[in-house]
Amino acid sequence: MSVPNITTLVWDRDDDPEGNVQHIAAHGLTQGDVEDALENSTGTGISRSSGRPIVFGNTRTGRHIIVVFEEIDSIIAYPITAYDVPKKK
């Protein structure tokens, strides 16, 4: 993964109803979609609502999404949520 220097994502168990996998799935996205967005990022920033770092990126299926995450350290992140956003023109 290339942005921002993240090489490892921490995922909760797939069956954890309160976990990040289920939270992302509730938006119709997969772990692979999140990984794609980080590898194909179109921008970064800070979430206005949570103050957490965000990455905008494209999935292999052509969706443009935002990923909100917590930085565990300089290369490890815990995705909080992800959802579709319009591409900036």
Protein backbone atom coordinates (compact mmCIF):
# COMPACT_ATOMS: atom_id res chain seq x y z
CA MET A 1 0.00 0.00 0.00
CA SER A 2 1.32 3.39 -0.86
CA VAL A 3 -0.56 6.07 1.05
CA PRO A 4 0.38 7.28 3.57
CA ASN A 5 3.20 4.73 3.81
CA ILE A 6 0.78 2.13 5.14
CA THR A 7 1.91 -1.44 4.54
CA THR A 8 -0.37 -3.28 6.98
CA LEU A 9 -4.07 -3.01 7.80
CA VAL A 10 -5.53 -4.41 11.01
CA TRP A 11 -8.87 -6.13 10.53
CA ASP A 12 -11.33 -7.42 13.12
CA ARG A 13 -12.80 -10.89 12.74
CA ASP A 14 -15.19 -11.16 9.79
CA ASP A 15 -18.03 -12.25 12.10
CA ASP A 16 -17.56 -9.46 14.69
CA PRO A 17 -20.77 -7.40 14.35
CA GLU A 18 -19.04 -4.35 15.86
CA GLY A 19 -15.82 -4.79 13.85
CA ASN A 20 -14.42 -2.84 10.95
CA VAL A 21 -15.03 -5.62 8.40
CA GLN A 22 -18.77 -5.56 9.10
CA HIS A 23 -18.87 -1.76 9.27
CA ILE A 24 -17.26 -1.50 5.84
CA ALA A 25 -19.49 -4.27 4.47
CA ALA A 26 -22.54 -2.27 5.58
CA HIS A 27 -21.49 0.26 2.92
CA GLY A 28 -21.24 -2.46 0.26
CA LEU A 29 -17.43 -2.57 0.38
CA THR A 30 -14.85 -5.27 1.06
CA GLN A 31 -11.42 -5.39 2.61
CA GLY A 32 -10.05 -5.62 -0.93
CA ASP A 33 -11.83 -2.39 -1.87
CA VAL A 34 -10.15 -0.60 1.03
CA GLU A 35 -6.75 -2.01 0.05
CA ASP A 36 -7.36 -0.95 -3.57
CA ALA A 37 -8.20 2.61 -2.50
CA LEU A 38 -5.00 2.90 -0.50
CA GLU A 39 -2.96 1.57 -3.42
CA ASN A 40 -4.75 3.86 -5.90
CA SER A 41 -5.16 6.95 -3.79
CA THR A 42 -6.36 10.24 -5.22
CA GLY A 43 -5.86 12.31 -2.08
CA THR A 44 -5.53 12.42 1.67
CA GLY A 45 -6.84 14.60 4.45
CA ILE A 46 -8.41 14.73 7.87
CA SER A 47 -12.03 13.86 8.60
CA ARG A 48 -14.01 16.93 9.60
CA SER A 49 -16.29 14.89 11.86
CA SER A 50 -13.79 12.62 13.65
CA GLY A 51 -10.41 14.29 13.15
CA ARG A 52 -9.00 10.99 11.88
CA PRO A 53 -6.85 10.62 8.77
CA ILE A 54 -8.63 9.83 5.50
CA VAL A 55 -7.62 8.56 2.10
CA PHE A 56 -9.61 8.95 -1.11
CA GLY A 57 -9.00 6.28 -3.71
CA ASN A 58 -10.28 4.08 -6.51
CA THR A 59 -11.21 0.43 -6.30
CA ARG A 60 -10.54 -2.10 -9.05
CA THR A 61 -14.25 -2.07 -9.81
CA GLY A 62 -14.21 1.66 -10.54
CA ARG A 63 -15.70 2.96 -7.31
CA HIS A 64 -14.25 6.10 -5.72
CA ILE A 65 -14.26 5.76 -1.95
CA ILE A 66 -13.05 7.40 1.22
CA VAL A 67 -11.33 5.37 3.93
CA VAL A 68 -11.28 6.69 7.48
CA PHE A 69 -8.60 5.08 9.63
CA GLU A 70 -6.56 5.24 12.81
CA GLU A 71 -2.79 5.26 12.53
CA ILE A 72 -1.33 2.64 14.82
CA ASP A 73 2.20 3.56 13.80
CA SER A 74 3.91 4.86 10.67
CA ILE A 75 3.09 1.74 8.60
CA ILE A 76 0.11 0.11 10.35
CA ALA A 77 -3.47 1.39 10.18
CA TYR A 78 -6.86 0.31 11.50
CA PRO A 79 -9.62 1.13 8.99
CA ILE A 80 -12.65 2.56 10.80
CA THR A 81 -15.04 2.89 7.87
CA ALA A 82 -15.17 3.37 4.12
CA TYR A 83 -17.88 4.56 1.77
CA ASP A 84 -18.48 5.90 -1.73
CA VAL A 85 -17.81 9.56 -2.46
CA PRO A 86 -18.04 11.55 -5.71
CA LYS A 87 -14.82 12.18 -7.58
CA LYS A 88 -13.57 15.74 -7.44
CA LYS A 89 -13.45 17.44 -10.80
